[in-house]
C-alpha atoms as a PDB file:
ATOM      1  CA  MET A   1      26.854  10.122  14.188  1.00  0.00           C
ATOM      2  CA  LEU A   2      27.289   8.649  10.743  1.00  0.00           C
ATOM      3  CA  ASP A   3      29.165  10.657   8.131  1.00  0.00           C
ATOM      4  CA  TYR A   4      27.029  12.878   5.861  1.00  0.00           C
ATOM      5  CA  ARG A   5      28.423  10.937   2.914  1.00  0.00           C
ATOM      6  CA  THR A   6      26.585   7.939   4.277  1.00  0.00           C
ATOM      7  CA  ASP A   7      23.280   9.741   3.630  1.00  0.00           C
ATOM      8  CA  THR A   8      24.429  10.493   0.099  1.00  0.00           C
ATOM      9  CA  PHE A   9      25.301   6.859  -0.551  1.00  0.00           C
ATOM     10  CA  LEU A  10      22.018   5.556   0.874  1.00  0.00           C
ATOM     11  CA  THR A  11      20.020   8.125  -1.096  1.00  0.00           C
ATOM     12  CA  VAL A  12      21.721   7.036  -4.321  1.00  0.00           C
ATOM     13  CA  CYS A  13      20.905   3.427  -3.360  1.00  0.00           C
ATOM     14  CA  LYS A  14      17.244   4.442  -3.014  1.00  0.00           C
ATOM     15  CA  THR A  15      16.977   6.491  -6.207  1.00  0.00           C
ATOM     16  CA  MET A  16      19.579   4.677  -8.318  1.00  0.00           C
ATOM     17  CA  ASN A  17      20.197   8.030  -9.966  1.00  0.00           C
ATOM     18  CA  PHE A  18      22.859  10.611  -9.042  1.00  0.00           C
ATOM     19  CA  THR A  19      20.762  13.546 -10.293  1.00  0.00           C
ATOM     20  CA  LEU A  20      17.639  12.497  -8.363  1.00  0.00           C
ATOM     21  CA  ALA A  21      19.761  11.885  -5.246  1.00  0.00           C
ATOM     22  CA  ALA A  22      21.249  15.371  -5.543  1.00  0.00           C
ATOM     23  CA  LYS A  23      17.767  16.876  -5.849  1.00  0.00           C
ATOM     24  CA  GLU A  24      16.495  14.988  -2.800  1.00  0.00           C
ATOM     25  CA  LEU A  25      19.540  15.972  -0.728  1.00  0.00           C
ATOM     26  CA  HIS A  26      19.527  19.609  -1.976  1.00  0.00           C
ATOM     27  CA  ILE A  27      23.131  19.408  -3.139  1.00  0.00           C
ATOM     28  CA  THR A  28      24.736  19.405  -6.580  1.00  0.00           C
ATOM     29  CA  GLN A  29      25.214  16.315  -8.724  1.00  0.00           C
ATOM     30  CA  PRO A  30      29.033  16.794  -8.708  1.00  0.00           C
ATOM     31  CA  ALA A  31      28.875  16.793  -4.884  1.00  0.00           C
ATOM     32  CA  VAL A  32      27.043  13.458  -4.955  1.00  0.00           C
ATOM     33  CA  SER A  33      29.726  12.027  -7.269  1.00  0.00           C
ATOM     34  CA  GLN A  34      32.427  13.377  -4.967  1.00  0.00           C
ATOM     35  CA  HIS A  35      30.865  11.745  -1.909  1.00  0.00           C
ATOM     36  CA  ILE A  36      30.582   8.368  -3.668  1.00  0.00           C
ATOM     37  CA  HIS A  37      34.164   8.551  -4.939  1.00  0.00           C
ATOM     38  CA  TYR A  38      35.329   9.343  -1.377  1.00  0.00           C
ATOM     39  CA  LEU A  39      33.600   6.229  -0.033  1.00  0.00           C
ATOM     40  CA  GLU A  40      34.963   4.085  -2.860  1.00  0.00           C
ATOM     41  CA  LYS A  41      38.470   5.296  -2.038  1.00  0.00           C
ATOM     42  CA  GLN A  42      37.929   4.806   1.693  1.00  0.00           C
ATOM     43  CA  TYR A  43      36.690   1.219   1.269  1.00  0.00           C
ATOM     44  CA  ASP A  44      38.955   0.493  -1.731  1.00  0.00           C
ATOM     45  CA  THR A  45      36.118  -0.866  -3.839  1.00  0.00           C
ATOM     46  CA  THR A  46      33.601   0.050  -6.537  1.00  0.00           C
ATOM     47  CA  LEU A  47      30.122   0.692  -5.179  1.00  0.00           C
ATOM     48  CA  PHE A  48      28.128   1.350  -8.363  1.00  0.00           C
ATOM     49  CA  GLU A  49      28.377   0.372 -11.993  1.00  0.00           C
ATOM     50  CA  TYR A  50      26.512   1.227 -15.181  1.00  0.00           C
ATOM     51  CA  ARG A  51      25.030  -1.504 -17.353  1.00  0.00           C
ATOM     52  CA  ASN A  52      23.172  -0.413 -20.474  1.00  0.00           C
ATOM     53  CA  LYS A  53      23.163   3.155 -19.154  1.00  0.00           C
ATOM     54  CA  GLN A  54      21.384   2.064 -15.969  1.00  0.00           C
ATOM     55  CA  LEU A  55      22.948   2.374 -12.507  1.00  0.00           C
ATOM     56  CA  PHE A  56      23.353  -0.773 -10.378  1.00  0.00           C
ATOM     57  CA  LEU A  57      24.900  -1.554  -7.005  1.00  0.00           C
ATOM     58  CA  THR A  58      27.927  -3.799  -7.138  1.00  0.00           C
ATOM     59  CA  ARG A  59      28.139  -6.710  -4.715  1.00  0.00           C
ATOM     60  CA  SER A  60      30.417  -4.557  -2.527  1.00  0.00           C
ATOM     61  CA  GLY A  61      27.889  -1.741  -2.743  1.00  0.00           C
ATOM     62  CA  GLU A  62      25.086  -4.020  -1.622  1.00  0.00           C
ATOM     63  CA  ILE A  63      27.137  -5.234   1.367  1.00  0.00           C
ATOM     64  CA  LEU A  64      27.933  -1.654   2.367  1.00  0.00           C
ATOM     65  CA  ARG A  65      24.304  -0.560   1.877  1.00  0.00           C
ATOM     66  CA  LYS A  66      23.025  -3.262   4.211  1.00  0.00           C
ATOM     67  CA  HIS A  67      25.581  -2.522   6.946  1.00  0.00           C
ATOM     68  CA  LEU A  68      25.133   1.246   6.747  1.00  0.00           C
ATOM     69  CA  MET A  69      21.339   0.885   6.895  1.00  0.00           C
ATOM     70  CA  THR A  70      21.719  -1.261  10.018  1.00  0.00           C
ATOM     71  CA  MET A  71      24.083   1.313  11.549  1.00  0.00           C
ATOM     72  CA  LYS A  72      21.728   4.161  10.685  1.00  0.00           C
ATOM     73  CA  ASN A  73      18.746   2.333  12.185  1.00  0.00           C
ATOM     74  CA  ASP A  74      20.766   1.456  15.285  1.00  0.00           C
ATOM     75  CA  GLU A  75      21.610   5.143  15.628  1.00  0.00           C
ATOM     76  CA  LYS A  76      17.871   5.935  15.557  1.00  0.00           C
ATOM     77  CA  ALA A  77      17.317   3.265  18.202  1.00  0.00           C
ATOM     78  CA  VAL A  78      20.081   4.691  20.413  1.00  0.00           C
ATOM     79  CA  ILE A  79      18.522   8.167  20.230  1.00  0.00           C
ATOM     80  CA  LYS A  80      15.136   6.707  21.129  1.00  0.00           C
ATOM     81  CA  GLU A  81      16.656   4.700  23.997  1.00  0.00           C
ATOM     82  CA  LEU A  82      18.273   7.853  25.423  1.00  0.00           C
ATOM     83  CA  LYS A  83      14.934   9.676  25.302  1.00  0.00           C
ATOM     84  CA  ASP A  84      13.198   6.703  26.915  1.00  0.00           C
ATOM     85  CA  HIS A  85      15.830   6.690  29.671  1.00  0.00           C
ATOM     86  CA  ILE A  86      15.130  10.348  30.487  1.00  0.00           C
ATOM     87  CA  VAL A  87      11.393   9.737  30.999  1.00  0.00           C
ATOM     88  CA  GLY A  88      11.932   6.292  32.543  1.00  0.00           C
ATOM     89  CA  ILE A  89       9.689   4.447  30.088  1.00  0.00           C
ATOM     90  CA  GLU A  90      10.869   1.933  27.513  1.00  0.00           C
ATOM     91  CA  SER A  91       9.131   1.891  24.137  1.00  0.00           C
ATOM     92  CA  LEU A  92       9.125  -0.918  21.611  1.00  0.00           C
ATOM     93  CA  SER A  93       7.791  -1.062  18.043  1.00  0.00           C
ATOM     94  CA  ILE A  94       6.816  -4.510  16.749  1.00  0.00           C
ATOM     95  CA  GLY A  95       5.348  -5.446  13.392  1.00  0.00           C
ATOM     96  CA  ALA A  96       3.011  -8.374  12.776  1.00  0.00           C
ATOM     97  CA  THR A  97       1.173  -9.689   9.766  1.00  0.00           C
ATOM     98  CA  MET A  98      -2.606  -9.626   9.998  1.00  0.00           C
ATOM     99  CA  THR A  99      -2.930 -13.373  10.593  1.00  0.00           C
ATOM    100  CA  ILE A 100      -0.321 -13.397  13.353  1.00  0.00           C
ATOM    101  CA  GLY A 101      -1.475 -10.154  14.948  1.00  0.00           C
ATOM    102  CA  GLU A 102      -5.110 -11.164  15.088  1.00  0.00           C
ATOM    103  CA  TYR A 103      -4.910 -14.908  15.712  1.00  0.00           C
ATOM    104  CA  ALA A 104      -1.501 -15.906  17.109  1.00  0.00           C
ATOM    105  CA  ILE A 105       0.089 -13.189  19.244  1.00  0.00           C
ATOM    106  CA  VAL A 106      -2.651 -11.706  21.458  1.00  0.00           C
ATOM    107  CA  ASP A 107      -2.268 -14.024  24.470  1.00  0.00           C
ATOM    108  CA  LYS A 108       1.531 -13.847  24.442  1.00  0.00           C
ATOM    109  CA  LEU A 109       1.529 -10.085  24.044  1.00  0.00           C
ATOM    110  CA  ALA A 110      -0.938  -9.705  26.903  1.00  0.00           C
ATOM    111  CA  ALA A 111       1.286 -11.778  29.203  1.00  0.00           C
ATOM    112  CA  PHE A 112       4.311  -9.673  28.196  1.00  0.00           C
ATOM    113  CA  LEU A 113       2.452  -6.415  28.922  1.00  0.00           C
ATOM    114  CA  ASN A 114       1.284  -7.679  32.308  1.00  0.00           C
ATOM    115  CA  ARG A 115       4.878  -8.477  33.251  1.00  0.00           C
ATOM    116  CA  HIS A 116       6.157  -5.141  31.923  1.00  0.00           C
ATOM    117  CA  PRO A 117       3.547  -2.478  32.743  1.00  0.00           C
ATOM    118  CA  ASP A 118       6.070   0.332  32.123  1.00  0.00           C
ATOM    119  CA  VAL A 119       6.843  -0.705  28.525  1.00  0.00           C
ATOM    120  CA  ASN A 120       5.001   1.170  25.768  1.00  0.00           C
ATOM    121  CA  ILE A 121       4.413  -1.026  22.724  1.00  0.00           C
ATOM    122  CA  HIS A 122       3.417   0.106  19.256  1.00  0.00           C
ATOM    123  CA  LEU A 123       2.066  -2.843  17.271  1.00  0.00           C
ATOM    124  CA  HIS A 124       2.133  -2.274  13.506  1.00  0.00           C
ATOM    125  CA  TYR A 125       0.025  -4.355  11.129  1.00  0.00           C
ATOM    126  CA  GLY A 126       1.004  -5.021   7.545  1.00  0.00           C
ATOM    127  CA  ASN A 127       1.645  -7.745   5.036  1.00  0.00           C
ATOM    128  CA  THR A 128       5.075  -9.361   4.894  1.00  0.00           C
ATOM    129  CA  ALA A 129       6.403  -7.031   2.192  1.00  0.00           C
ATOM    130  CA  GLN A 130       5.271  -3.944   4.123  1.00  0.00           C
ATOM    131  CA  LEU A 131       6.850  -5.168   7.369  1.00  0.00           C
ATOM    132  CA  LEU A 132      10.181  -5.888   5.691  1.00  0.00           C
ATOM    133  CA  LYS A 133      10.186  -2.312   4.388  1.00  0.00           C
ATOM    134  CA  LEU A 134       9.405  -0.904   7.860  1.00  0.00           C
ATOM    135  CA  LEU A 135      12.182  -3.008   9.352  1.00  0.00           C
ATOM    136  CA  ASP A 136      14.690  -1.923   6.703  1.00  0.00           C
ATOM    137  CA  GLU A 137      13.780   1.714   7.315  1.00  0.00           C
ATOM    138  CA  GLY A 138      14.147   1.403  11.097  1.00  0.00           C
ATOM    139  CA  GLN A 139      10.455   2.138  11.754  1.00  0.00           C
ATOM    140  CA  ILE A 140      10.071  -1.084  13.748  1.00  0.00           C
ATOM    141  CA  SER A 141      12.576  -3.087  15.790  1.00  0.00           C
ATOM    142  CA  LEU A 142      11.061  -6.547  15.418  1.00  0.00           C
ATOM    143  CA  ALA A 143       8.592  -8.196  13.097  1.00  0.00           C
ATOM    144  CA  ILE A 144       6.716 -11.487  13.170  1.00  0.00           C
ATOM    145  CA  VAL A 145       6.096 -12.618   9.616  1.00  0.00           C
ATOM    146  CA  GLU A 146       4.348 -15.556   8.010  1.00  0.00           C
ATOM    147  CA  GLY A 147       5.608 -15.313   4.442  1.00  0.00           C
ATOM    148  CA  ASN A 148       8.902 -16.053   2.777  1.00  0.00           C
ATOM    149  CA  TYR A 149      11.730 -13.552   3.210  1.00  0.00           C
ATOM    150  CA  PRO A 150      15.497 -13.526   2.486  1.00  0.00           C
ATOM    151  CA  LYS A 151      16.712 -15.184   5.679  1.00  0.00           C
ATOM    152  CA  GLU A 152      20.343 -14.379   4.912  1.00  0.00           C
ATOM    153  CA  HIS A 153      19.554 -10.662   5.320  1.00  0.00           C
ATOM    154  CA  TYR A 154      17.894 -10.845   8.747  1.00  0.00           C
ATOM    155  CA  GLY A 155      18.377 -12.211  12.211  1.00  0.00           C
ATOM    156  CA  HIS A 156      15.546 -14.622  12.883  1.00  0.00           C
ATOM    157  CA  MET A 157      13.998 -17.041  15.363  1.00  0.00           C
ATOM    158  CA  ASN A 158      11.099 -19.413  14.891  1.00  0.00           C
ATOM    159  CA  TYR A 159       7.847 -18.322  16.521  1.00  0.00           C
ATOM    160  CA  SER A 160       5.723 -21.322  15.559  1.00  0.00           C
ATOM    161  CA  THR A 161       5.001 -23.777  12.760  1.00  0.00           C
ATOM    162  CA  GLU A 162       1.446 -23.720  11.476  1.00  0.00           C
ATOM    163  CA  ASP A 163      -0.737 -25.857   9.218  1.00  0.00           C
ATOM    164  CA  TYR A 164      -1.738 -24.221   5.933  1.00  0.00           C
ATOM    165  CA  ILE A 165      -5.012 -25.576   4.569  1.00  0.00           C
ATOM    166  CA  ALA A 166      -7.767 -25.215   1.991  1.00  0.00           C
ATOM    167  CA  VAL A 167     -11.067 -24.202   3.584  1.00  0.00           C
ATOM    168  CA  CYS A 168     -14.694 -23.469   2.686  1.00  0.00           C
ATOM    169  CA  SER A 169     -18.159 -23.203   4.229  1.00  0.00           C
ATOM    170  CA  ALA A 170     -19.399 -26.335   5.969  1.00  0.00           C
ATOM    171  CA  ASP A 171     -22.420 -26.158   3.644  1.00  0.00           C
ATOM    172  CA  HIS A 172     -20.437 -25.644   0.449  1.00  0.00           C
ATOM    173  CA  HIS A 173     -21.315 -27.741  -2.591  1.00  0.00           C
ATOM    174  CA  PHE A 174     -18.400 -28.163  -4.969  1.00  0.00           C
ATOM    175  CA  ILE A 175     -18.773 -27.646  -8.683  1.00  0.00           C
ATOM    176  CA  GLN A 176     -16.761 -30.852  -9.165  1.00  0.00           C
ATOM    177  CA  ASP A 177     -17.825 -33.671  -6.834  1.00  0.00           C
ATOM    178  CA  THR A 178     -15.584 -34.246  -3.809  1.00  0.00           C
ATOM    179  CA  PRO A 179     -12.360 -32.530  -4.937  1.00  0.00           C
ATOM    180  CA  SER A 180      -9.230 -34.514  -4.171  1.00  0.00           C
ATOM    181  CA  SER A 181      -6.621 -32.235  -5.766  1.00  0.00           C
ATOM    182  CA  VAL A 182      -5.948 -28.538  -6.206  1.00  0.00           C
ATOM    183  CA  ARG A 183      -6.844 -28.779  -9.902  1.00  0.00           C
ATOM    184  CA  ASN A 184     -10.343 -29.944  -8.937  1.00  0.00           C
ATOM    185  CA  LEU A 185     -10.834 -26.564  -7.234  1.00  0.00           C
ATOM    186  CA  LEU A 186     -10.106 -24.416 -10.307  1.00  0.00           C
ATOM    187  CA  PRO A 187     -13.839 -23.999 -11.157  1.00  0.00           C
ATOM    188  CA  GLU A 188     -14.454 -22.567  -7.656  1.00  0.00           C
ATOM    189  CA  ARG A 189     -14.314 -18.894  -6.677  1.00  0.00           C
ATOM    190  CA  LEU A 190     -10.983 -18.336  -4.887  1.00  0.00           C
ATOM    191  CA  LEU A 191     -10.870 -15.750  -2.091  1.00  0.00           C
ATOM    192  CA  VAL A 192      -7.266 -14.566  -1.876  1.00  0.00           C
ATOM    193  CA  ARG A 193      -5.198 -11.910  -0.094  1.00  0.00           C
ATOM    194  CA  GLU A 194      -3.505  -9.016  -1.891  1.00  0.00           C
ATOM    195  CA  ASN A 195      -0.060  -9.025  -3.516  1.00  0.00           C
ATOM    196  CA  GLY A 196       2.664  -8.800  -0.860  1.00  0.00           C
ATOM    197  CA  SER A 197       0.715 -10.867   1.645  1.00  0.00           C
ATOM    198  CA  GLY A 198       2.623 -13.805   3.111  1.00  0.00           C
ATOM    199  CA  THR A 199      -0.514 -15.946   2.973  1.00  0.00           C
ATOM    200  CA  ARG A 200      -0.853 -15.258  -0.763  1.00  0.00           C
ATOM    201  CA  ASN A 201       2.866 -15.706  -1.434  1.00  0.00           C
ATOM    202  CA  ILE A 202       2.830 -19.214   0.009  1.00  0.00           C
ATOM    203  CA  LEU A 203      -0.219 -20.133  -2.051  1.00  0.00           C
ATOM    204  CA  GLU A 204       1.407 -18.801  -5.225  1.00  0.00           C
ATOM    205  CA  GLU A 205       4.557 -20.846  -4.602  1.00  0.00           C
ATOM    206  CA  ASN A 206       2.539 -24.012  -4.025  1.00  0.00           C
ATOM    207  CA  LEU A 207       0.448 -23.444  -7.137  1.00  0.00           C
ATOM    208  CA  LEU A 208       3.596 -22.779  -9.184  1.00  0.00           C
ATOM    209  CA  ALA A 209       5.038 -26.121  -8.068  1.00  0.00           C
ATOM    210  CA  ARG A 210       1.972 -27.709  -9.676  1.00  0.00           C
ATOM    211  CA  GLY A 211       2.185 -25.654 -12.854  1.00  0.00           C
ATOM    212  CA  LEU A 212      -0.691 -23.427 -11.747  1.00  0.00           C
ATOM    213  CA  LYS A 213      -1.312 -19.790 -10.871  1.00  0.00           C
ATOM    214  CA  ILE A 214      -4.083 -17.828  -9.185  1.00  0.00           C
ATOM    215  CA  SER A 215      -5.484 -16.669 -12.522  1.00  0.00           C
ATOM    216  CA  ASP A 216      -6.141 -20.323 -13.419  1.00  0.00           C
ATOM    217  CA  PHE A 217      -9.113 -20.201 -11.069  1.00  0.00           C
ATOM    218  CA  ILE A 218     -12.175 -19.317 -13.147  1.00  0.00           C
ATOM    219  CA  HIS A 219     -13.189 -16.712 -10.556  1.00  0.00           C
ATOM    220  CA  PHE A 220     -11.106 -15.107  -7.833  1.00  0.00           C
ATOM    221  CA  THR A 221     -11.621 -12.198  -5.457  1.00  0.00           C
ATOM    222  CA  GLU A 222      -8.787 -10.234  -3.805  1.00  0.00           C
ATOM    223  CA  VAL A 223      -9.418  -9.100  -0.231  1.00  0.00           C
ATOM    224  CA  GLU A 224      -6.954  -7.159   1.929  1.00  0.00           C
ATOM    225  CA  ASN A 225      -8.412  -8.312   5.235  1.00  0.00           C
ATOM    226  CA  MET A 226      -8.475 -11.825   6.689  1.00  0.00           C
ATOM    227  CA  HIS A 227     -11.650 -11.170   8.720  1.00  0.00           C
ATOM    228  CA  THR A 228     -13.484 -10.262   5.525  1.00  0.00           C
ATOM    229  CA  ILE A 229     -12.286 -13.431   3.780  1.00  0.00           C
ATOM    230  CA  ILE A 230     -13.483 -15.542   6.702  1.00  0.00           C
ATOM    231  CA  GLY A 231     -16.818 -13.698   6.691  1.00  0.00           C
ATOM    232  CA  LEU A 232     -17.227 -14.397   2.971  1.00  0.00           C
ATOM    233  CA  LEU A 233     -16.370 -18.060   3.527  1.00  0.00           C
ATOM    234  CA  LYS A 234     -19.063 -18.284   6.196  1.00  0.00           C
ATOM    235  CA  LYS A 235     -21.548 -16.938   3.647  1.00  0.00           C
ATOM    236  CA  ASP A 236     -20.390 -19.582   1.165  1.00  0.00           C
ATOM    237  CA  CYS A 237     -18.946 -17.084  -1.322  1.00  0.00           C
ATOM    238  CA  GLY A 238     -16.013 -19.274  -2.337  1.00  0.00           C
ATOM    239  CA  ILE A 239     -13.009 -21.256  -1.102  1.00  0.00           C
ATOM    240  CA  SER A 240      -9.684 -20.074   0.265  1.00  0.00           C
ATOM    241  CA  PHE A 241      -6.243 -21.179   1.460  1.00  0.00           C
ATOM    242  CA  MET A 242      -5.003 -19.945   4.825  1.00  0.00           C
ATOM    243  CA  TYR A 243      -3.384 -20.851   8.108  1.00  0.00           C
ATOM    244  CA  LYS A 244      -5.523 -23.174  10.177  1.00  0.00           C
ATOM    245  CA  ILE A 245      -4.982 -21.058  13.285  1.00  0.00           C
ATOM    246  CA  ALA A 246      -7.004 -18.250  11.669  1.00  0.00           C
ATOM    247  CA  VAL A 247     -10.150 -20.391  11.446  1.00  0.00           C
ATOM    248  CA  ILE A 248      -9.662 -22.898  14.261  1.00  0.00           C
ATOM    249  CA  ASP A 249     -12.834 -21.766  16.081  1.00  0.00           C
ATOM    250  CA  GLU A 250     -14.939 -21.911  12.917  1.00  0.00           C
ATOM    251  CA  LEU A 251     -13.631 -25.404  12.142  1.00  0.00           C
ATOM    252  CA  GLN A 252     -14.336 -26.655  15.666  1.00  0.00           C
ATOM    253  CA  ASN A 253     -17.825 -25.154  15.555  1.00  0.00           C
ATOM    254  CA  HIS A 254     -18.452 -26.740  12.131  1.00  0.00           C
ATOM    255  CA  VAL A 255     -19.127 -23.391  10.509  1.00  0.00           C
ATOM    256  CA  LEU A 256     -16.244 -23.960   8.092  1.00  0.00           C
ATOM    257  CA  LYS A 257     -14.558 -27.161   6.986  1.00  0.00           C
ATOM    258  CA  GLU A 258     -11.128 -28.099   5.752  1.00  0.00           C
ATOM    259  CA  ILE A 259     -11.030 -29.271   2.141  1.00  0.00           C
ATOM    260  CA  GLN A 260      -9.130 -32.560   2.198  1.00  0.00           C
ATOM    261  CA  LEU A 261      -6.732 -32.642  -0.756  1.00  0.00           C
ATOM    262  CA  SER A 262      -4.348 -35.506  -1.509  1.00  0.00           C
ATOM    263  CA  ASP A 263      -1.770 -33.192  -3.114  1.00  0.00           C
ATOM    264  CA  PHE A 264      -1.866 -30.289  -0.671  1.00  0.00           C
ATOM    265  CA  LYS A 265      -0.568 -30.894   2.842  1.00  0.00           C
ATOM    266  CA  MET A 266       1.843 -28.337   4.187  1.00  0.00           C
ATOM    267  CA  GLN A 267       3.082 -26.381   7.148  1.00  0.00           C
ATOM    268  CA  HIS A 268       4.895 -23.070   7.270  1.00  0.00           C
ATOM    269  CA  ASP A 269       6.904 -21.159   9.854  1.00  0.00           C
ATOM    270  CA  PHE A 270       5.984 -17.936  11.591  1.00  0.00           C
ATOM    271  CA  ASP A 271       9.292 -16.180  12.363  1.00  0.00           C
ATOM    272  CA  PHE A 272      10.566 -13.319  14.493  1.00  0.00           C
ATOM    273  CA  ILE A 273      12.943 -11.220  12.390  1.00  0.00           C
ATOM    274  CA  TRP A 274      15.183  -8.229  13.075  1.00  0.00           C
ATOM    275  CA  GLU A 275      18.048  -6.440  11.370  1.00  0.00           C
ATOM    276  CA  LYS A 276      21.044  -8.724  11.017  1.00  0.00           C
ATOM    277  CA  GLY A 277      24.120  -7.324  12.780  1.00  0.00           C
ATOM    278  CA  SER A 278      22.195  -4.866  14.947  1.00  0.00           C
ATOM    279  CA  ILE A 279      23.854  -3.850  18.213  1.00  0.00           C
ATOM    280  CA  TYR A 280      20.468  -4.614  19.807  1.00  0.00           C
ATOM    281  CA  THR A 281      20.449  -8.247  18.696  1.00  0.00           C
ATOM    282  CA  ASP A 282      20.794  -9.642  22.225  1.00  0.00           C
ATOM    283  CA  ARG A 283      17.902  -7.472  23.399  1.00  0.00           C
ATOM    284  CA  TYR A 284      15.703  -8.603  20.516  1.00  0.00           C
ATOM    285  CA  ILE A 285      16.503 -12.264  21.174  1.00  0.00           C
ATOM    286  CA  SER A 286      15.631 -11.780  24.850  1.00  0.00           C
ATOM    287  CA  ILE A 287      12.257 -10.240  23.942  1.00  0.00           C
ATOM    288  CA  CYS A 288      11.528 -13.047  21.468  1.00  0.00           C
ATOM    289  CA  LYS A 289      12.331 -15.729  24.038  1.00  0.00           C
ATOM    290  CA  GLU A 290      10.146 -14.062  26.644  1.00  0.00           C
ATOM    291  CA  LEU A 291       7.217 -13.864  24.219  1.00  0.00           C
ATOM    292  CA  LEU A 292       7.674 -17.549  23.366  1.00  0.00           C
ATOM    293  CA  GLU A 293       7.654 -18.499  27.033  1.00  0.00           C
ATOM    294  CA  SER A 294       4.445 -16.565  27.721  1.00  0.00           C
END
């Protein structure tokens, strides 16, 4: 088991306040300071520093935080594996963004389950930001994300590369005739995912590269569900930007159409990710490869 001072350090990392950490851990503030000083002496480094009376992790502190979080989550996984071994059933928690979970993983997951009838899988849905948090907290073992993430902090493997397009109803009439650029779409109503969504994050980055932002659209509507956005598109309630795989059937059936823009042609990766440095890395890679081969 990890040292109790590890919990103190990680709690200070979460609260960035010695007094709040002490309250959460039900110990005194001097005890928190003592635990941190012990770790600093043990690792011969400074873990925290004050700047303008605010507590910050040093670079050494950030390195230690990441490794100790991985160790703590691996410890949780070991405990779970031992319990699974007793009952003879393996369990696996996987996270997926809404687009991937609903439009890109079903067939592969079904093939995996058919080959492994004794494996219990818990599939979590969330946006990219939510899945990163679950992964960092050890609530899931693997995630498949569509948005940008700090690749240097995670083990990762490419799942697929998908087209990202502008789309609208097949019957839509544009406010500006035959738009050829993103700027021509600004008078339209934009249907967009919530903050933290990978689909929205990619759109925001592409707009920023053109000196634009979502609020530059005269009208926009935030929706936390891709099915609802697609339903609104079908009813000609606006335009949107999304992965082509999410609307491939609607495009083929001519219910929706891709908006052809001269300045907007892009693809983006869907990636498997897991905690970098985990003792279960080989197992996660094996699962990822099997899903890819399905």
